[in-house]
N, C-alpha and C. Protein backbone atom coordinates (compact mmCIF):
# COMPACT_ATOMS: atom_id res chain seq x y z
N MET A 1 -4.04 -2.88 13.76
CA MET A 1 -3.11 -3.36 12.82
C MET A 1 -2.41 -4.77 13.18
N ARG A 2 -2.32 -5.60 12.26
CA ARG A 2 -1.76 -6.97 12.71
C ARG A 2 -0.46 -7.25 12.03
N LEU A 3 0.33 -8.06 12.61
CA LEU A 3 1.77 -8.33 11.95
C LEU A 3 1.74 -9.93 11.90
N ALA A 4 2.58 -10.72 11.20
CA ALA A 4 2.68 -11.92 11.12
C ALA A 4 3.84 -12.12 12.27
N ALA A 5 3.84 -13.24 12.92
CA ALA A 5 4.93 -13.80 13.90
C ALA A 5 6.17 -13.98 12.69
N VAL A 6 7.48 -13.66 13.27
CA VAL A 6 8.49 -13.87 12.07
C VAL A 6 9.58 -14.60 12.89
N GLU A 7 10.15 -15.69 12.30
CA GLU A 7 11.45 -16.43 13.13
C GLU A 7 12.48 -15.32 13.05
N GLY A 8 13.01 -15.29 14.36
CA GLY A 8 14.15 -14.58 14.72
C GLY A 8 13.63 -13.07 15.39
N ILE A 9 12.52 -12.96 15.40
CA ILE A 9 11.93 -11.75 16.28
C ILE A 9 11.04 -12.33 17.44
N THR A 10 11.77 -11.95 18.67
CA THR A 10 10.96 -12.55 20.03
C THR A 10 10.51 -11.16 20.72
N PRO A 11 9.29 -11.02 20.64
CA PRO A 11 8.64 -10.05 21.52
C PRO A 11 8.93 -10.04 22.86
N VAL A 12 8.95 -8.95 23.59
CA VAL A 12 9.02 -9.03 25.12
C VAL A 12 7.90 -8.21 25.70
N PRO A 13 7.46 -8.47 27.05
CA PRO A 13 6.61 -7.86 27.60
C PRO A 13 6.76 -6.37 27.69
N VAL A 14 5.72 -5.48 27.58
CA VAL A 14 5.52 -4.20 27.63
C VAL A 14 4.89 -3.67 28.60
N SER A 15 4.64 -4.35 29.73
CA SER A 15 3.66 -3.68 30.75
C SER A 15 4.36 -2.78 31.82
N SER A 16 5.79 -3.00 31.80
CA SER A 16 6.29 -1.63 32.61
C SER A 16 7.84 -1.44 31.82
N VAL A 17 8.34 -0.31 32.21
CA VAL A 17 9.81 -0.18 31.79
C VAL A 17 10.91 -1.24 32.36
N GLU A 18 10.71 -1.24 33.46
CA GLU A 18 11.61 -2.42 34.19
C GLU A 18 11.48 -3.73 33.58
N GLU A 19 10.18 -4.05 33.46
CA GLU A 19 9.92 -5.48 32.78
C GLU A 19 10.44 -5.77 31.44
N THR A 20 10.17 -4.73 30.59
CA THR A 20 10.70 -4.63 29.25
C THR A 20 12.40 -4.65 29.01
N GLU A 21 12.77 -3.92 30.18
CA GLU A 21 14.30 -3.89 30.09
C GLU A 21 15.03 -5.29 30.51
N ARG A 22 14.53 -5.95 31.71
CA ARG A 22 14.89 -7.04 31.97
C ARG A 22 14.67 -8.24 30.85
N ALA A 23 13.62 -8.28 30.23
CA ALA A 23 13.36 -9.34 29.19
C ALA A 23 14.27 -9.05 28.15
N LEU A 24 14.77 -7.78 27.76
CA LEU A 24 15.62 -7.52 26.60
C LEU A 24 16.91 -7.81 27.17
N THR A 25 17.27 -7.60 28.13
CA THR A 25 19.00 -7.76 28.67
C THR A 25 18.88 -9.42 28.53
N GLU A 26 17.86 -10.20 29.30
CA GLU A 26 17.87 -11.66 29.38
C GLU A 26 17.99 -12.28 27.75
N LEU A 27 17.34 -11.59 27.03
CA LEU A 27 17.33 -12.40 25.79
C LEU A 27 18.73 -12.02 24.93
N MET A 28 18.98 -10.80 24.87
CA MET A 28 20.25 -10.54 24.33
C MET A 28 21.46 -11.38 25.07
N ILE A 29 21.72 -11.51 26.33
CA ILE A 29 22.51 -12.30 26.84
C ILE A 29 22.39 -13.71 26.46
N GLU A 30 21.34 -14.17 26.31
CA GLU A 30 20.96 -15.63 25.76
C GLU A 30 21.57 -15.90 24.41
N ILE A 31 21.21 -14.71 23.68
CA ILE A 31 21.77 -15.12 22.23
C ILE A 31 23.40 -14.74 22.08
N ARG A 32 23.97 -13.83 22.77
CA ARG A 32 25.34 -13.40 22.59
C ARG A 32 26.30 -14.48 23.37
N GLY A 33 25.66 -14.96 24.40
CA GLY A 33 26.50 -15.71 25.41
C GLY A 33 26.62 -15.19 26.67
N ARG A 34 26.91 -15.93 27.84
CA ARG A 34 27.17 -15.48 29.10
C ARG A 34 27.95 -14.37 29.37
N ASP A 35 29.11 -14.44 28.75
CA ASP A 35 30.16 -13.21 28.92
C ASP A 35 29.81 -12.04 28.46
N SER A 36 28.73 -11.85 27.81
CA SER A 36 28.15 -10.53 27.38
C SER A 36 27.34 -10.14 28.38
N ALA A 37 26.91 -10.77 29.62
CA ALA A 37 26.40 -10.21 30.86
C ALA A 37 27.27 -9.00 31.52
N HIS A 38 28.73 -8.83 31.15
CA HIS A 38 29.62 -8.01 31.41
C HIS A 38 29.59 -6.76 30.75
N ASP A 39 28.84 -6.70 29.43
CA ASP A 39 28.96 -5.57 28.67
C ASP A 39 28.08 -4.48 29.03
N PRO A 40 28.58 -3.27 29.66
CA PRO A 40 27.79 -2.48 30.01
C PRO A 40 26.66 -1.85 28.91
N GLY A 41 27.18 -1.76 27.74
CA GLY A 41 26.49 -1.32 26.57
C GLY A 41 25.46 -2.18 26.26
N LEU A 42 25.30 -3.42 26.69
CA LEU A 42 24.24 -4.18 26.49
C LEU A 42 22.90 -3.76 27.34
N ALA A 43 23.37 -3.55 28.64
CA ALA A 43 22.21 -2.96 29.70
C ALA A 43 21.85 -1.80 29.32
N LEU A 44 22.63 -0.75 28.82
CA LEU A 44 22.31 0.28 28.39
C LEU A 44 21.35 0.42 27.25
N ALA A 45 21.78 -0.50 26.28
CA ALA A 45 20.87 -0.19 24.93
C ALA A 45 19.43 -1.09 25.52
N ALA A 46 19.29 -1.85 26.46
CA ALA A 46 18.12 -2.46 26.88
C ALA A 46 17.19 -1.36 27.59
N ARG A 47 17.93 -0.55 28.39
CA ARG A 47 17.30 0.51 29.33
C ARG A 47 16.70 1.68 28.20
N ASP A 48 17.64 1.88 27.48
CA ASP A 48 17.34 3.04 26.50
C ASP A 48 16.11 2.58 25.72
N ALA A 49 16.24 1.51 25.28
CA ALA A 49 15.06 1.05 24.29
C ALA A 49 13.85 0.82 25.03
N ALA A 50 13.71 0.28 26.38
CA ALA A 50 12.37 0.18 27.27
C ALA A 50 11.95 1.62 27.40
N GLU A 51 12.68 2.47 27.99
CA GLU A 51 12.57 3.93 28.05
C GLU A 51 11.71 4.40 26.95
N LEU A 52 12.45 4.46 25.63
CA LEU A 52 11.80 4.84 24.38
C LEU A 52 10.72 4.31 24.09
N ALA A 53 10.54 3.03 24.38
CA ALA A 53 9.21 2.29 23.77
C ALA A 53 7.89 2.92 24.71
N HIS A 54 8.23 2.89 25.95
CA HIS A 54 7.27 3.20 27.06
C HIS A 54 6.84 4.63 26.86
N ALA A 55 7.87 5.64 26.74
CA ALA A 55 7.58 7.08 26.51
C ALA A 55 6.68 7.32 25.20
N ASN A 56 6.85 6.33 24.07
CA ASN A 56 6.05 6.61 23.06
C ASN A 56 4.78 5.64 22.75
N GLY A 57 4.62 5.05 23.81
CA GLY A 57 3.61 4.14 23.56
C GLY A 57 3.57 2.82 22.70
N ALA A 58 4.66 2.42 22.42
CA ALA A 58 4.91 1.17 21.60
C ALA A 58 4.26 0.26 21.93
N GLY A 59 3.77 -0.62 20.83
CA GLY A 59 2.94 -1.82 20.98
C GLY A 59 3.68 -2.99 20.93
N LEU A 60 4.91 -2.73 20.38
CA LEU A 60 6.06 -3.96 19.98
C LEU A 60 7.24 -3.61 20.41
N VAL A 61 7.77 -4.50 21.40
CA VAL A 61 9.32 -4.43 21.74
C VAL A 61 9.90 -5.97 21.31
N ALA A 62 10.85 -5.79 20.87
CA ALA A 62 11.35 -7.37 20.45
C ALA A 62 13.00 -7.24 20.50
N VAL A 63 13.30 -8.31 20.63
CA VAL A 63 14.98 -8.54 20.10
C VAL A 63 14.72 -9.41 18.97
N VAL A 64 15.83 -9.07 18.01
CA VAL A 64 15.98 -9.67 16.66
C VAL A 64 17.38 -10.48 16.82
N GLY A 65 17.25 -11.65 16.33
CA GLY A 65 18.30 -12.29 16.16
C GLY A 65 18.39 -13.27 14.92
N HIS A 66 19.66 -13.50 14.61
CA HIS A 66 20.26 -14.26 13.47
C HIS A 66 21.51 -15.19 13.96
N PRO A 67 21.47 -16.01 13.36
CA PRO A 67 22.95 -16.97 13.86
C PRO A 67 24.17 -16.04 13.33
N ASN A 68 24.10 -15.28 12.43
CA ASN A 68 25.27 -14.74 11.87
C ASN A 68 25.38 -13.19 12.30
N ALA A 69 24.72 -12.71 13.32
CA ALA A 69 24.70 -11.30 13.82
C ALA A 69 24.41 -11.46 15.31
N ASP A 70 24.93 -10.18 15.83
CA ASP A 70 24.59 -9.78 17.24
C ASP A 70 23.17 -9.33 17.16
N PRO A 71 22.56 -9.59 18.47
CA PRO A 71 20.99 -9.36 18.67
C PRO A 71 20.98 -7.60 18.67
N ALA A 72 19.83 -7.38 18.08
CA ALA A 72 19.45 -6.07 17.94
C ALA A 72 18.06 -5.82 18.53
N VAL A 73 17.85 -4.68 18.92
CA VAL A 73 16.55 -4.41 19.67
C VAL A 73 15.56 -3.62 18.62
N LEU A 74 14.19 -4.11 18.54
CA LEU A 74 13.25 -3.72 17.51
C LEU A 74 12.11 -3.00 18.65
N VAL A 75 11.80 -1.77 17.97
CA VAL A 75 10.70 -0.99 18.67
C VAL A 75 9.67 -0.68 17.67
N GLY A 76 8.42 -1.20 17.86
CA GLY A 76 7.33 -0.58 16.76
C GLY A 76 6.22 -0.02 17.38
N MET A 77 5.56 0.86 16.72
CA MET A 77 4.30 1.69 17.25
C MET A 77 3.32 1.99 16.02
N VAL A 78 2.43 2.22 16.37
CA VAL A 78 1.42 2.93 15.32
C VAL A 78 1.15 4.21 15.61
N VAL A 79 1.59 5.24 14.72
CA VAL A 79 1.31 6.65 14.76
C VAL A 79 0.16 7.03 13.87
N ALA A 80 -0.67 7.96 14.56
CA ALA A 80 -1.82 8.53 13.82
C ALA A 80 -1.39 10.16 13.37
N ALA A 81 -1.70 10.31 12.05
CA ALA A 81 -1.24 11.46 11.40
C ALA A 81 -2.63 12.52 11.74
N ASP A 82 -2.17 13.92 11.55
CA ASP A 82 -3.26 14.82 11.89
C ASP A 82 -4.37 14.77 10.84
N SER A 83 -3.91 14.58 9.54
CA SER A 83 -4.60 14.65 8.49
C SER A 83 -4.49 13.41 7.77
N PRO A 84 -5.62 13.12 6.77
CA PRO A 84 -5.45 11.80 6.13
C PRO A 84 -4.26 11.77 5.17
N LEU A 85 -3.62 10.54 5.11
CA LEU A 85 -2.44 10.29 4.36
C LEU A 85 -2.77 10.37 2.86
N GLY A 86 -2.18 10.73 2.08
CA GLY A 86 -2.55 10.55 0.58
C GLY A 86 -1.60 9.64 0.14
N PRO A 87 -1.82 9.44 -1.33
CA PRO A 87 -0.98 8.67 -2.10
C PRO A 87 0.44 9.12 -2.38
N ASP A 88 0.83 10.69 -1.96
CA ASP A 88 2.19 10.93 -1.97
C ASP A 88 2.88 10.97 -0.66
N ALA A 89 2.26 10.28 0.32
CA ALA A 89 2.83 10.35 1.59
C ALA A 89 4.26 9.88 1.63
N ALA A 90 4.34 8.61 1.19
CA ALA A 90 5.73 7.90 1.34
C ALA A 90 6.82 8.96 0.42
N GLU A 91 6.52 9.44 -0.68
CA GLU A 91 7.37 10.25 -1.30
C GLU A 91 7.72 11.42 -0.80
N GLU A 92 6.83 12.28 0.02
CA GLU A 92 6.89 13.46 0.81
C GLU A 92 7.63 12.99 2.21
N LEU A 93 7.53 11.92 2.96
CA LEU A 93 8.16 11.48 3.86
C LEU A 93 9.70 11.20 3.58
N ALA A 94 10.04 10.33 2.44
CA ALA A 94 11.18 10.31 2.03
C ALA A 94 12.15 11.43 1.83
N ARG A 95 11.46 12.24 0.98
CA ARG A 95 12.14 13.72 0.64
C ARG A 95 12.51 14.41 2.03
N TYR A 96 11.76 14.44 2.94
CA TYR A 96 12.03 15.06 4.09
C TYR A 96 13.00 14.53 4.93
N LEU A 97 13.20 13.18 5.01
CA LEU A 97 14.17 12.45 5.68
C LEU A 97 15.45 12.84 5.02
N ALA A 98 15.42 12.58 3.78
CA ALA A 98 16.74 12.84 3.07
C ALA A 98 17.27 14.30 3.15
N ASP A 99 16.36 15.19 3.20
CA ASP A 99 16.83 16.66 3.49
C ASP A 99 17.01 17.04 4.66
N ALA A 100 16.35 16.64 5.79
CA ALA A 100 16.38 16.94 7.08
C ALA A 100 16.88 16.02 8.00
N GLY A 101 17.45 14.80 7.61
CA GLY A 101 17.80 13.67 8.48
C GLY A 101 19.33 13.74 9.12
N GLY A 102 19.93 14.72 8.70
CA GLY A 102 21.24 14.92 9.16
C GLY A 102 22.33 14.11 8.63
N VAL A 103 23.60 14.06 9.24
CA VAL A 103 24.73 13.23 8.66
C VAL A 103 24.50 11.83 8.93
N ASP A 104 23.80 11.67 10.00
CA ASP A 104 23.66 10.07 10.42
C ASP A 104 23.03 9.36 9.25
N ILE A 105 22.10 9.95 8.60
CA ILE A 105 21.06 9.17 7.52
C ILE A 105 22.09 8.71 6.40
N ARG A 106 22.32 7.45 6.02
CA ARG A 106 23.02 6.90 5.03
C ARG A 106 22.50 6.76 3.64
N GLU A 107 20.88 6.46 3.81
CA GLU A 107 20.10 5.91 2.97
C GLU A 107 18.87 6.07 3.12
N VAL A 108 18.09 6.67 2.07
CA VAL A 108 16.65 6.77 2.43
C VAL A 108 15.98 6.12 0.97
N SER A 109 15.20 5.21 1.19
CA SER A 109 14.72 4.64 0.09
C SER A 109 13.04 4.18 0.25
N GLU A 110 12.29 3.91 -1.02
CA GLU A 110 10.94 3.54 -0.87
C GLU A 110 10.84 2.35 -1.50
N SER A 111 9.77 1.63 -0.71
CA SER A 111 9.31 0.25 -1.40
C SER A 111 7.98 0.10 -1.39
N ARG A 112 7.25 -1.21 -1.55
CA ARG A 112 6.03 -1.54 -1.13
C ARG A 112 6.11 -2.82 -0.32
N THR A 113 5.14 -2.97 0.34
CA THR A 113 5.02 -4.23 1.18
C THR A 113 4.08 -5.49 0.11
N GLU A 114 4.03 -6.55 0.30
CA GLU A 114 3.39 -7.57 -0.34
C GLU A 114 1.79 -7.05 -0.51
N ARG A 115 1.19 -6.39 0.36
CA ARG A 115 0.02 -6.08 0.41
C ARG A 115 -0.36 -4.67 -0.37
N GLY A 116 0.82 -3.96 -0.87
CA GLY A 116 1.10 -2.93 -1.71
C GLY A 116 0.99 -1.67 -0.93
N TYR A 117 1.27 -1.73 0.58
CA TYR A 117 1.39 -0.56 1.27
C TYR A 117 2.81 0.17 1.17
N PRO A 118 2.83 1.48 0.88
CA PRO A 118 4.19 2.08 0.76
C PRO A 118 5.15 2.11 1.88
N VAL A 119 6.04 2.04 1.90
CA VAL A 119 7.24 1.91 2.94
C VAL A 119 8.23 2.84 2.62
N VAL A 120 8.80 3.51 3.59
CA VAL A 120 9.99 4.46 3.47
C VAL A 120 11.04 3.84 4.62
N LEU A 121 12.19 3.62 3.94
CA LEU A 121 13.41 2.97 4.92
C LEU A 121 14.38 4.14 4.94
N ALA A 122 14.99 4.28 6.02
CA ALA A 122 16.14 5.13 6.33
C ALA A 122 17.09 4.65 7.34
N GLU A 123 18.11 4.49 6.81
CA GLU A 123 19.14 3.77 7.55
C GLU A 123 20.24 4.79 8.02
N ARG A 124 20.52 4.61 9.14
CA ARG A 124 21.19 5.70 10.13
C ARG A 124 22.55 4.78 10.50
N LEU A 125 23.88 5.55 10.49
CA LEU A 125 24.87 5.09 11.04
C LEU A 125 25.18 6.07 12.27
N LEU A 126 25.00 5.76 13.60
CA LEU A 126 24.94 6.70 14.82
C LEU A 126 26.52 7.10 15.03
N LEU A 127 26.84 8.01 14.49
CA LEU A 127 28.18 8.37 14.62
C LEU A 127 28.32 9.68 15.80
N ALA A 128 27.22 9.99 16.20
CA ALA A 128 27.40 11.15 17.43
C ALA A 128 27.89 10.32 18.60
N GLY A 129 28.85 10.72 19.12
CA GLY A 129 29.60 10.23 20.34
C GLY A 129 30.89 9.55 19.75
N SER A 130 31.59 9.13 20.73
CA SER A 130 32.84 8.44 20.52
C SER A 130 32.69 6.96 21.63
N PRO A 131 33.01 5.92 21.09
CA PRO A 131 32.74 5.53 19.75
C PRO A 131 31.22 5.65 19.19
N PRO A 132 31.25 5.41 17.66
CA PRO A 132 29.82 5.38 17.33
C PRO A 132 28.91 4.39 17.92
N SER A 133 27.57 4.62 18.15
CA SER A 133 26.61 3.86 18.94
C SER A 133 26.12 2.83 17.95
N GLY A 134 26.41 2.39 16.64
CA GLY A 134 25.75 1.42 16.02
C GLY A 134 25.05 1.87 14.71
N CYS A 135 24.12 0.78 14.39
CA CYS A 135 23.35 1.07 13.15
C CYS A 135 21.91 0.97 13.60
N GLN A 136 21.15 1.69 12.69
CA GLN A 136 19.80 2.08 13.11
C GLN A 136 19.03 1.91 11.81
N LEU A 137 17.98 1.22 11.51
CA LEU A 137 17.09 1.20 10.47
C LEU A 137 15.66 1.51 11.04
N GLN A 138 15.07 2.61 10.17
CA GLN A 138 13.57 2.72 10.51
C GLN A 138 12.97 2.54 9.43
N ALA A 139 11.58 1.94 9.30
CA ALA A 139 10.87 1.49 8.55
C ALA A 139 9.43 2.06 8.80
N VAL A 140 8.90 2.94 7.92
CA VAL A 140 7.53 3.46 8.02
C VAL A 140 6.77 2.73 7.11
N VAL A 141 5.62 2.20 7.37
CA VAL A 141 4.63 1.75 6.40
C VAL A 141 3.30 2.39 6.73
N ILE A 142 3.07 2.99 5.41
CA ILE A 142 1.98 4.08 5.48
C ILE A 142 0.52 3.63 5.01
N ASP A 143 -0.39 3.76 5.67
CA ASP A 143 -1.73 3.28 5.22
C ASP A 143 -2.41 4.55 4.33
N PRO A 144 -2.31 4.44 3.20
CA PRO A 144 -2.76 5.63 2.48
C PRO A 144 -4.18 6.03 2.43
N SER A 145 -5.05 4.89 2.73
CA SER A 145 -6.43 5.18 3.00
C SER A 145 -6.82 5.65 4.38
N GLY A 146 -6.00 5.92 5.23
CA GLY A 146 -6.20 6.41 6.47
C GLY A 146 -5.32 7.47 7.12
N ARG A 147 -5.04 7.34 8.40
CA ARG A 147 -4.43 8.24 9.05
C ARG A 147 -3.17 7.60 9.68
N ARG A 148 -2.87 6.30 9.54
CA ARG A 148 -1.95 5.62 10.22
C ARG A 148 -0.54 5.25 9.70
N MET A 149 0.42 5.11 10.54
CA MET A 149 1.68 4.80 9.93
C MET A 149 2.13 3.77 10.96
N ALA A 150 2.73 2.81 10.60
CA ALA A 150 3.58 1.66 11.37
C ALA A 150 5.02 2.15 11.37
N VAL A 151 5.52 2.32 12.42
CA VAL A 151 6.94 2.87 12.59
C VAL A 151 7.67 1.92 13.28
N PHE A 152 8.66 1.22 12.38
CA PHE A 152 9.58 0.21 13.18
C PHE A 152 10.91 0.75 13.10
N THR A 153 11.66 0.60 14.35
CA THR A 153 13.02 1.17 14.57
C THR A 153 13.90 0.01 15.10
N LEU A 154 14.83 -0.52 14.20
CA LEU A 154 15.67 -1.60 14.60
C LEU A 154 16.94 -1.07 15.04
N HIS A 155 17.59 -1.35 16.08
CA HIS A 155 18.92 -0.77 16.51
C HIS A 155 19.87 -1.75 17.01
N SER A 156 20.97 -2.00 16.45
CA SER A 156 22.40 -2.54 16.76
C SER A 156 23.31 -1.95 17.01
N THR A 157 23.88 -2.16 18.43
CA THR A 157 24.82 -1.47 18.95
C THR A 157 26.34 -1.89 18.39
N THR A 158 26.43 -2.99 17.82
CA THR A 158 27.60 -3.51 17.25
C THR A 158 27.61 -3.35 15.72
N GLY A 159 26.42 -3.56 14.98
CA GLY A 159 26.39 -3.50 13.68
C GLY A 159 26.71 -4.82 12.91
N ARG A 160 27.03 -5.92 13.69
CA ARG A 160 27.59 -7.33 13.25
C ARG A 160 26.40 -7.97 12.69
N GLY A 161 26.46 -8.33 11.25
CA GLY A 161 25.27 -9.08 10.91
C GLY A 161 24.13 -8.03 10.65
N TRP A 162 24.49 -6.84 10.33
CA TRP A 162 23.46 -5.79 10.03
C TRP A 162 22.58 -6.23 8.85
N LEU A 163 23.11 -6.74 7.90
CA LEU A 163 22.19 -6.99 6.58
C LEU A 163 21.20 -8.08 6.86
N GLU A 164 21.84 -9.16 7.83
CA GLU A 164 20.87 -10.40 7.91
C GLU A 164 19.80 -9.81 8.95
N LEU A 165 20.17 -8.87 9.95
CA LEU A 165 18.97 -8.42 10.73
C LEU A 165 17.95 -7.46 9.89
N ALA A 166 18.42 -6.61 8.89
CA ALA A 166 17.67 -5.88 8.41
C ALA A 166 16.71 -7.02 7.47
N GLY A 167 17.17 -7.95 7.15
CA GLY A 167 16.55 -8.93 6.33
C GLY A 167 15.32 -9.50 7.26
N VAL A 168 15.72 -9.99 8.47
CA VAL A 168 14.50 -10.05 9.48
C VAL A 168 13.36 -9.18 9.45
N LEU A 169 13.74 -7.99 9.79
CA LEU A 169 12.90 -6.74 9.78
C LEU A 169 12.13 -6.87 8.54
N GLY A 170 12.85 -6.86 7.23
CA GLY A 170 11.72 -6.89 6.01
C GLY A 170 10.92 -7.87 5.78
N ARG A 171 10.98 -9.01 6.69
CA ARG A 171 10.04 -10.03 6.61
C ARG A 171 8.81 -9.51 7.62
N LEU A 172 9.09 -8.77 8.68
CA LEU A 172 8.26 -8.35 9.38
C LEU A 172 7.27 -7.30 8.72
N VAL A 173 7.91 -6.27 8.24
CA VAL A 173 7.60 -5.15 7.51
C VAL A 173 6.55 -5.61 6.53
N SER A 174 6.70 -6.50 5.70
CA SER A 174 5.98 -7.00 4.48
C SER A 174 4.76 -7.69 5.27
N SER A 175 4.67 -8.24 6.47
CA SER A 175 3.49 -8.74 6.93
C SER A 175 2.48 -7.78 7.49
N VAL A 176 2.70 -6.65 7.30
CA VAL A 176 1.88 -5.41 8.02
C VAL A 176 0.74 -5.51 7.24
N ASP A 177 -0.47 -5.41 7.93
CA ASP A 177 -2.09 -5.44 7.56
C ASP A 177 -2.84 -4.54 8.25
N PHE A 178 -2.95 -3.32 7.81
CA PHE A 178 -3.81 -2.30 8.37
C PHE A 178 -5.37 -2.79 8.32
N GLU A 179 -5.75 -3.32 7.21
CA GLU A 179 -7.00 -3.92 7.07
C GLU A 179 -7.73 -4.89 7.93
N ALA A 180 -7.01 -5.90 8.63
CA ALA A 180 -7.09 -6.84 9.32
C ALA A 180 -7.70 -6.45 10.65
N ALA A 181 -7.57 -5.44 11.23
CA ALA A 181 -8.00 -4.72 12.33
C ALA A 181 -8.00 -3.30 12.20
N PRO A 182 -8.97 -2.66 11.44
CA PRO A 182 -8.89 -1.12 11.26
C PRO A 182 -8.97 -0.34 12.19
N ALA A 183 -9.53 -0.78 13.35
CA ALA A 183 -9.71 0.12 14.44
C ALA A 183 -8.66 -0.16 15.51
N GLU A 184 -7.90 -1.08 15.58
CA GLU A 184 -6.84 -0.98 16.48
C GLU A 184 -5.72 -0.06 16.37
N ARG A 185 -5.43 0.42 17.63
CA ARG A 185 -4.30 1.54 17.44
C ARG A 185 -3.02 1.10 17.90
N ARG A 186 -2.92 -0.21 18.32
CA ARG A 186 -1.51 -0.90 18.81
C ARG A 186 -1.43 -1.92 17.70
N MET A 187 -0.05 -2.46 17.81
CA MET A 187 0.52 -3.47 17.00
C MET A 187 0.10 -4.74 17.43
N ARG A 188 -0.18 -5.77 16.77
CA ARG A 188 -0.80 -7.36 17.34
C ARG A 188 -0.11 -8.26 16.59
N VAL A 189 0.59 -9.16 17.21
CA VAL A 189 1.22 -10.40 16.54
C VAL A 189 0.28 -11.36 16.44
N THR A 190 0.12 -11.78 15.22
CA THR A 190 -1.08 -12.78 15.07
C THR A 190 -0.77 -14.12 15.49
N ALA A 191 0.37 -14.60 15.64
CA ALA A 191 0.89 -15.82 15.91
C ALA A 191 2.44 -15.92 16.47
N ARG A 192 2.61 -16.93 17.23
CA ARG A 192 4.21 -17.06 17.50
C ARG A 192 5.02 -18.05 16.66
N PRO A 193 6.07 -17.65 16.34
CA PRO A 193 6.80 -18.44 15.43
C PRO A 193 6.77 -19.98 16.23
N THR A 194 6.89 -21.02 15.50
CA THR A 194 7.07 -22.31 15.93
C THR A 194 8.61 -22.47 16.77
N GLY A 195 9.49 -21.94 16.44
CA GLY A 195 10.72 -21.96 17.22
C GLY A 195 11.58 -20.91 16.76
N ARG A 196 12.36 -20.40 17.89
CA ARG A 196 13.16 -19.17 17.83
C ARG A 196 14.73 -19.56 17.14
N ARG A 197 15.13 -18.75 16.00
CA ARG A 197 16.25 -19.09 15.62
C ARG A 197 17.25 -18.04 15.88
N THR A 198 18.27 -17.87 16.43
CA THR A 198 19.26 -17.09 16.83
C THR A 198 20.63 -17.27 16.50
């Protein structure tokens, strides 16, 4: 599966939990400013994302930035289904998330990418705990002709600039191409953006 490079998304190495955590922390501090180095939530978010990514075999871990937003962490992975996905897979997934997603899920919607792949979007406000731990947007792109799904999870601890960050994720999701590398089990970014805008 291939992805286009998108301005505002900076991938980090995924060779070890420690390297991923370090790179995430450094990028988020670079974007938010040096004073954010003292924010314990930033380091905790980087550690949690690195551990989650490695535990689930993520092929993409990145920092998502926008001039009007605090940085967010993006984790992406390809998930294989037990049986072939059919034309109703997106509708079934959306219905399941809406019914079983719990109180944190604020909205579940369906869309399609530019290539026609079905997408299910689930927006969560993470309310468990005090204070709330931010916003999360999950986008699941379904390959209806096969058994694969590309799962992207965007997490912002502050929620500042949430709509802008979601827009950056939307550009990445629209670039998903299952046909470019049908045998690949991991996500692969095809090229780097010419400049990083944060």
